[in-house]
Amino acid sequence: MRFSTILSAAVAAGPIVASAAGQLGFALGNKKEDGTCKEASDYEADFAALTKETSAKVVRIYAASDCDVAKLILPAAKTAGFKVVLGIWPDTDESYKSDKAAVVEFAPKYKDQVYAITVGSEAMYRGNLTGPELVSKIKDVKSAVGKGFKVGTADSWNKFADGTADALAQSGSVDIMLCNAFSYWQGQVLSNATGSFYDDIFQAFGHIQEKSGSTDKIELWVGETGWPTGGDKYQNAQPGVKPASTFYSQAVCGMVDWGFNVFFFEAFDEAWKPKAIGEDGSVADETSWGAMTADRKPKYSLKC
């Protein structure tokens, strides 16, 4: 599907509105190549590489207390001129309590560095929490952390499009929503990957805007998208540097150029990760999703 065709379909579908200039961000892991926790110097090196190779000035992390990431990354972000989306993992009482405590402790100290706070990452997709349950936790976090922070959640695009997240969109308490969409995990051939990705995002964004009653009441981001450079083929989706580069330039940069905000998954390879299981039950490698290698060398051009 050509970009002009996608644009026409989106306009016909509903009032999807992009910002004047889209932002590019990266998902950032909190572990080194060997699986041990990163230190402050590692985040400093991460930000230096992102500054050199990309236009990004924002990253997202997933569990604020794990590996002391909030404590370590926020001072590094301040020095490097980056902002951070701090994640709270609400799927268990223990992780929710620990991550919330880390956010409450460190976010007010580095308010200028905190872009937003997400409560949950695909919790609805996994069936661990419902929309109303997430609303309750988001309200709890907003009360605990105080005024001046955008708080929301991240989940798979289809959970925003199919009504699962309607309670969030209609609550009036959610400031930001991150929608994850992977053409690769849908087994798409590269020639249809951009069109599939755009269609997913427009369905999700359009539904959220309809249910919230506004095109700008809730800030919308692509929370994750990407393409692996190595590992196992997934259905019709073939990994490799060339297809990853093509998807990045066409789908990711195309969305950013159009004015939408996109987090790319992920900044650097994570060799420690175990294999993942796809929806069809097949096993797939997740160690080669980085735009850069574990030693922070770009695999292809990352300038949009």
Protein backbone atom coordinates (compact mmCIF):
# COMPACT_ATOMS: atom_id res chain seq x y z
CA MET A 1 0.00 0.00 0.00
CA ARG A 2 1.42 3.36 -0.99
CA PHE A 3 1.68 6.20 1.50
CA SER A 4 -0.85 8.31 -0.43
CA THR A 5 -3.34 5.45 -0.30
CA ILE A 6 -2.84 5.10 3.45
CA LEU A 7 -3.33 8.82 3.93
CA SER A 8 -6.58 8.81 1.96
CA ALA A 9 -7.88 5.84 3.94
CA ALA A 10 -6.99 7.49 7.24
CA VAL A 11 -8.73 10.73 6.34
CA ALA A 12 -11.84 8.81 5.31
CA ALA A 13 -11.81 6.74 8.50
CA GLY A 14 -12.07 9.53 11.02
CA PRO A 15 -10.59 12.58 12.73
CA ILE A 16 -7.06 11.28 13.34
CA VAL A 17 -4.92 14.32 14.02
CA ALA A 18 -1.13 14.45 14.10
CA SER A 19 0.97 17.07 15.82
CA ALA A 20 2.90 19.69 13.88
CA ALA A 21 6.13 17.75 14.36
CA GLY A 22 6.40 14.14 15.43
CA GLN A 23 8.86 12.98 18.06
CA LEU A 24 11.11 9.95 17.74
CA GLY A 25 11.96 7.99 20.86
CA PHE A 26 13.52 4.64 21.75
CA ALA A 27 12.70 1.87 24.18
CA LEU A 28 15.70 1.36 26.42
CA GLY A 29 16.64 -1.74 28.38
CA ASN A 30 18.14 -1.68 31.87
CA LYS A 31 20.55 -4.59 31.52
CA LYS A 32 23.99 -5.05 30.01
CA GLU A 33 24.77 -7.61 27.33
CA ASP A 34 25.50 -10.26 29.97
CA GLY A 35 22.19 -9.67 31.75
CA THR A 36 23.58 -7.76 34.73
CA CYS A 37 22.12 -4.40 35.68
CA LYS A 38 23.31 -1.26 33.95
CA GLU A 39 25.18 1.37 35.91
CA ALA A 40 25.03 5.16 35.58
CA SER A 41 27.91 5.13 33.10
CA ASP A 42 26.00 2.75 30.84
CA TYR A 43 23.06 5.14 30.58
CA GLU A 44 25.47 7.98 29.88
CA ALA A 45 26.93 5.96 27.01
CA ASP A 46 23.42 5.05 25.78
CA PHE A 47 22.42 8.70 25.61
CA ALA A 48 25.68 9.64 23.88
CA ALA A 49 25.07 7.03 21.16
CA LEU A 50 21.44 8.08 20.67
CA THR A 51 22.51 11.72 20.41
CA LYS A 52 25.15 10.89 17.82
CA GLU A 53 23.11 8.56 15.66
CA THR A 54 19.49 9.77 15.97
CA SER A 55 17.33 12.85 16.48
CA ALA A 56 15.69 11.33 19.58
CA LYS A 57 15.58 13.13 22.90
CA VAL A 58 13.19 10.83 24.74
CA VAL A 59 13.36 7.18 25.87
CA ARG A 60 10.96 4.86 27.66
CA ILE A 61 11.70 2.31 30.37
CA TYR A 62 9.38 -0.30 31.78
CA ALA A 63 9.87 -0.90 35.50
CA ALA A 64 11.17 2.04 37.51
CA SER A 65 12.56 0.05 40.45
CA ASP A 66 14.12 -2.83 38.52
CA CYS A 67 17.93 -2.44 38.49
CA ASP A 68 17.40 0.97 40.15
CA VAL A 69 16.70 2.35 36.68
CA ALA A 70 14.75 5.46 37.75
CA LYS A 71 17.46 6.35 40.26
CA LEU A 72 20.25 5.96 37.69
CA ILE A 73 18.72 7.06 34.40
CA LEU A 74 17.19 10.38 35.43
CA PRO A 75 20.48 12.11 36.42
CA ALA A 76 22.06 10.80 33.20
CA ALA A 77 19.09 12.09 31.21
CA LYS A 78 19.43 15.50 32.80
CA THR A 79 23.08 15.74 31.79
CA ALA A 80 22.38 14.52 28.26
CA GLY A 81 19.27 16.65 27.69
CA PHE A 82 16.87 13.70 27.41
CA LYS A 83 13.42 13.01 28.82
CA VAL A 84 12.25 9.65 30.12
CA VAL A 85 8.92 7.87 30.19
CA LEU A 86 9.04 6.03 33.50
CA GLY A 87 7.24 2.69 33.61
CA ILE A 88 5.37 1.05 36.46
CA TRP A 89 4.74 -2.70 36.17
CA PRO A 90 1.34 -3.22 37.82
CA ASP A 91 0.82 -6.90 37.05
CA THR A 92 1.78 -8.02 40.56
CA ASP A 93 1.26 -6.23 43.85
CA GLU A 94 5.00 -6.44 44.58
CA SER A 95 6.14 -4.87 41.30
CA TYR A 96 3.44 -2.21 41.44
CA LYS A 97 4.39 -1.19 44.96
CA SER A 98 8.14 -1.13 44.21
CA ASP A 99 7.87 0.76 40.93
CA LYS A 100 5.38 3.27 42.32
CA ALA A 101 7.70 3.95 45.25
CA ALA A 102 10.62 4.56 42.88
CA VAL A 103 8.56 6.95 40.76
CA VAL A 104 7.28 8.83 43.82
CA GLU A 105 10.82 9.14 45.15
CA PHE A 106 12.69 10.19 42.02
CA ALA A 107 10.21 11.78 39.58
CA PRO A 108 9.68 14.97 41.67
CA LYS A 109 13.45 15.38 42.00
CA TYR A 110 13.86 15.29 38.21
CA LYS A 111 10.55 16.71 37.06
CA ASP A 112 11.99 18.28 33.92
CA GLN A 113 13.37 14.91 32.84
CA VAL A 114 10.13 12.93 33.27
CA TYR A 115 8.16 13.06 30.04
CA ALA A 116 5.38 10.84 31.37
CA ILE A 117 4.61 7.84 33.57
CA THR A 118 3.07 4.67 32.16
CA VAL A 119 1.19 2.27 34.40
CA GLY A 120 1.31 -1.06 32.63
CA SER A 121 2.85 -2.38 29.43
CA GLU A 122 0.50 -4.69 27.54
CA ALA A 123 -1.25 -5.68 30.76
CA MET A 124 -4.61 -5.84 28.96
CA TYR A 125 -3.08 -7.78 26.06
CA ARG A 126 -1.81 -10.43 28.47
CA GLY A 127 -5.13 -10.45 30.32
CA ASN A 128 -3.53 -9.49 33.62
CA LEU A 129 -5.55 -6.30 34.15
CA THR A 130 -8.80 -4.88 32.80
CA GLY A 131 -9.33 -1.34 31.60
CA PRO A 132 -11.18 -0.31 34.79
CA GLU A 133 -8.44 -1.87 36.93
CA LEU A 134 -5.81 0.15 35.07
CA VAL A 135 -7.86 3.32 35.51
CA SER A 136 -7.88 2.73 39.25
CA LYS A 137 -4.11 2.27 39.36
CA ILE A 138 -3.49 5.31 37.15
CA LYS A 139 -5.59 7.43 39.52
CA ASP A 140 -3.63 6.03 42.45
CA VAL A 141 -0.28 6.90 40.83
CA LYS A 142 -1.45 10.40 39.93
CA SER A 143 -2.46 11.00 43.51
CA ALA A 144 0.82 9.61 44.86
CA VAL A 145 3.22 11.43 42.55
CA GLY A 146 1.51 14.81 42.65
CA LYS A 147 0.56 17.34 40.01
CA GLY A 148 2.50 18.14 36.88
CA PHE A 149 3.01 14.62 35.48
CA LYS A 150 1.31 12.99 32.51
CA VAL A 151 0.17 9.50 33.50
CA GLY A 152 -1.25 6.80 31.26
CA THR A 153 -0.56 3.31 29.95
CA ALA A 154 0.86 1.32 27.05
CA ASP A 155 -0.74 -1.65 25.35
CA SER A 156 -1.18 -3.49 22.09
CA TRP A 157 -2.98 -1.51 19.38
CA ASN A 158 -5.83 -4.03 19.09
CA LYS A 159 -6.77 -3.58 22.76
CA PHE A 160 -7.22 0.13 22.08
CA ALA A 161 -9.13 -0.53 18.86
CA ASP A 162 -11.49 -3.30 19.99
CA GLY A 163 -13.03 -1.57 23.03
CA THR A 164 -10.98 -3.31 25.73
CA ALA A 165 -9.49 0.04 26.75
CA ASP A 166 -12.64 2.14 26.46
CA ALA A 167 -12.76 2.71 30.22
CA LEU A 168 -9.34 4.37 29.97
CA ALA A 169 -10.29 6.59 27.05
CA GLN A 170 -13.52 7.67 28.73
CA SER A 171 -12.20 8.07 32.29
CA GLY A 172 -10.91 11.63 32.02
CA SER A 173 -7.93 10.52 34.11
CA VAL A 174 -5.62 9.24 31.38
CA ASP A 175 -3.22 11.79 29.91
CA ILE A 176 -1.22 9.63 27.49
CA MET A 177 -1.63 6.33 25.68
CA LEU A 178 1.12 4.36 23.96
CA CYS A 179 -0.04 1.93 21.27
CA ASN A 180 2.26 -0.94 20.31
CA ALA A 181 2.06 -2.34 16.77
CA PHE A 182 4.41 -4.84 15.12
CA SER A 183 3.90 -5.85 11.51
CA TYR A 184 6.64 -8.41 12.08
CA TRP A 185 4.65 -10.20 14.79
CA GLN A 186 1.68 -10.23 12.43
CA GLY A 187 3.82 -12.18 9.97
CA GLN A 188 3.66 -9.52 7.28
CA VAL A 189 5.83 -9.55 4.18
CA LEU A 190 7.98 -6.44 4.02
CA SER A 191 6.05 -4.98 1.08
CA ASN A 192 2.90 -4.82 3.23
CA ALA A 193 4.56 -4.02 6.55
CA THR A 194 4.22 -0.23 6.43
CA GLY A 195 0.60 -0.36 5.29
CA SER A 196 -0.29 -2.89 7.98
CA PHE A 197 1.45 -0.83 10.66
CA TYR A 198 -0.32 2.38 9.64
CA ASP A 199 -3.69 0.66 9.51
CA ASP A 200 -3.23 -0.74 13.03
CA ILE A 201 -2.24 2.61 14.48
CA PHE A 202 -5.04 4.53 12.77
CA GLN A 203 -7.62 2.06 14.05
CA ALA A 204 -6.30 2.43 17.59
CA PHE A 205 -5.89 6.20 17.52
CA GLY A 206 -9.23 6.76 15.86
CA HIS A 207 -11.08 4.65 18.41
CA ILE A 208 -9.39 6.36 21.35
CA GLN A 209 -10.24 9.79 19.97
CA GLU A 210 -13.84 8.74 19.36
CA LYS A 211 -14.30 7.39 22.89
CA SER A 212 -12.52 10.30 24.55
CA GLY A 213 -14.57 12.78 22.51
CA SER A 214 -11.50 14.73 21.47
CA THR A 215 -8.59 14.61 19.06
CA ASP A 216 -6.16 16.03 21.59
CA LYS A 217 -7.47 15.24 25.09
CA ILE A 218 -5.22 12.17 25.29
CA GLU A 219 -1.67 12.37 23.96
CA LEU A 220 -1.06 9.47 21.59
CA TRP A 221 2.19 7.70 20.78
CA VAL A 222 3.24 4.59 18.97
CA GLY A 223 4.60 2.86 22.07
CA GLU A 224 6.60 0.16 20.28
CA THR A 225 7.31 -0.87 16.73
CA GLY A 226 10.33 -2.36 15.08
CA TRP A 227 11.89 -5.13 13.01
CA PRO A 228 14.64 -7.58 14.01
CA THR A 229 17.92 -7.77 12.14
CA GLY A 230 18.51 -11.42 12.99
CA GLY A 231 16.95 -14.50 14.47
CA ASP A 232 14.07 -16.60 13.26
CA LYS A 233 11.62 -15.96 10.47
CA TYR A 234 8.08 -15.42 11.79
CA GLN A 235 5.44 -16.61 9.32
CA ASN A 236 6.04 -14.39 6.26
CA ALA A 237 8.15 -11.81 8.09
CA GLN A 238 11.86 -12.17 7.38
CA PRO A 239 14.46 -10.71 9.77
CA GLY A 240 17.58 -9.00 8.48
CA VAL A 241 19.41 -5.70 8.33
CA LYS A 242 17.94 -4.73 4.96
CA PRO A 243 14.26 -5.30 5.86
CA ALA A 244 14.80 -3.65 9.26
CA SER A 245 16.34 -0.63 7.57
CA THR A 246 13.48 -0.46 5.08
CA PHE A 247 10.84 -0.67 7.81
CA TYR A 248 12.63 1.99 9.84
CA SER A 249 12.91 4.46 6.97
CA GLN A 250 9.46 3.87 5.52
CA ALA A 251 7.22 3.06 8.48
CA VAL A 252 8.93 4.70 11.45
CA CYS A 253 10.39 7.79 9.80
CA GLY A 254 7.30 8.08 7.61
CA MET A 255 5.09 8.25 10.69
CA VAL A 256 7.40 10.75 12.41
CA ASP A 257 7.65 12.90 9.28
CA TRP A 258 3.88 12.94 9.09
CA GLY A 259 3.73 14.36 12.61
CA PHE A 260 3.09 11.35 14.82
CA ASN A 261 5.12 10.36 17.88
CA VAL A 262 6.90 7.00 17.70
CA PHE A 263 8.96 4.90 20.11
CA PHE A 264 11.16 2.43 18.27
CA PHE A 265 11.69 -0.94 19.91
CA GLU A 266 14.48 -0.93 20.75
CA ALA A 267 17.63 1.14 21.04
CA PHE A 268 20.20 -1.63 21.53
CA ASP A 269 20.38 -5.40 21.13
CA GLU A 270 19.83 -7.37 24.32
CA ALA A 271 21.70 -10.68 24.04
CA TRP A 272 20.52 -11.85 27.46
CA LYS A 273 16.87 -12.14 26.46
CA PRO A 274 15.25 -15.57 26.24
CA LYS A 275 13.35 -16.63 23.14
CA ALA A 276 9.75 -15.47 22.84
CA ILE A 277 6.66 -17.42 21.83
CA GLY A 278 4.55 -15.92 19.05
CA GLU A 279 0.77 -16.03 18.95
CA ASP A 280 0.95 -19.00 16.59
CA GLY A 281 3.06 -20.91 19.13
CA SER A 282 6.32 -20.67 17.21
CA VAL A 283 9.55 -19.69 18.97
CA ALA A 284 11.28 -16.47 17.96
CA ASP A 285 14.51 -14.79 18.94
CA GLU A 286 14.28 -11.38 20.64
CA THR A 287 17.98 -10.56 20.94
CA SER A 288 18.35 -8.63 17.67
CA TRP A 289 15.66 -5.97 17.78
CA GLY A 290 18.06 -3.13 18.47
CA ALA A 291 18.59 -0.28 16.06
CA MET A 292 22.16 -0.55 17.31
CA THR A 293 24.30 -3.43 18.47
CA ALA A 294 24.91 -4.05 22.16
CA ASP A 295 28.15 -2.07 21.86
CA ARG A 296 26.14 0.87 20.49
CA LYS A 297 27.05 0.72 16.80
CA PRO A 298 24.22 1.57 14.37
CA LYS A 299 23.13 -1.21 12.05
CA TYR A 300 21.74 1.20 9.44
CA SER A 301 21.00 4.91 9.13
CA LEU A 302 18.86 6.10 12.03
CA LYS A 303 18.33 9.68 10.91
CA CYS A 304 14.72 10.52 10.02
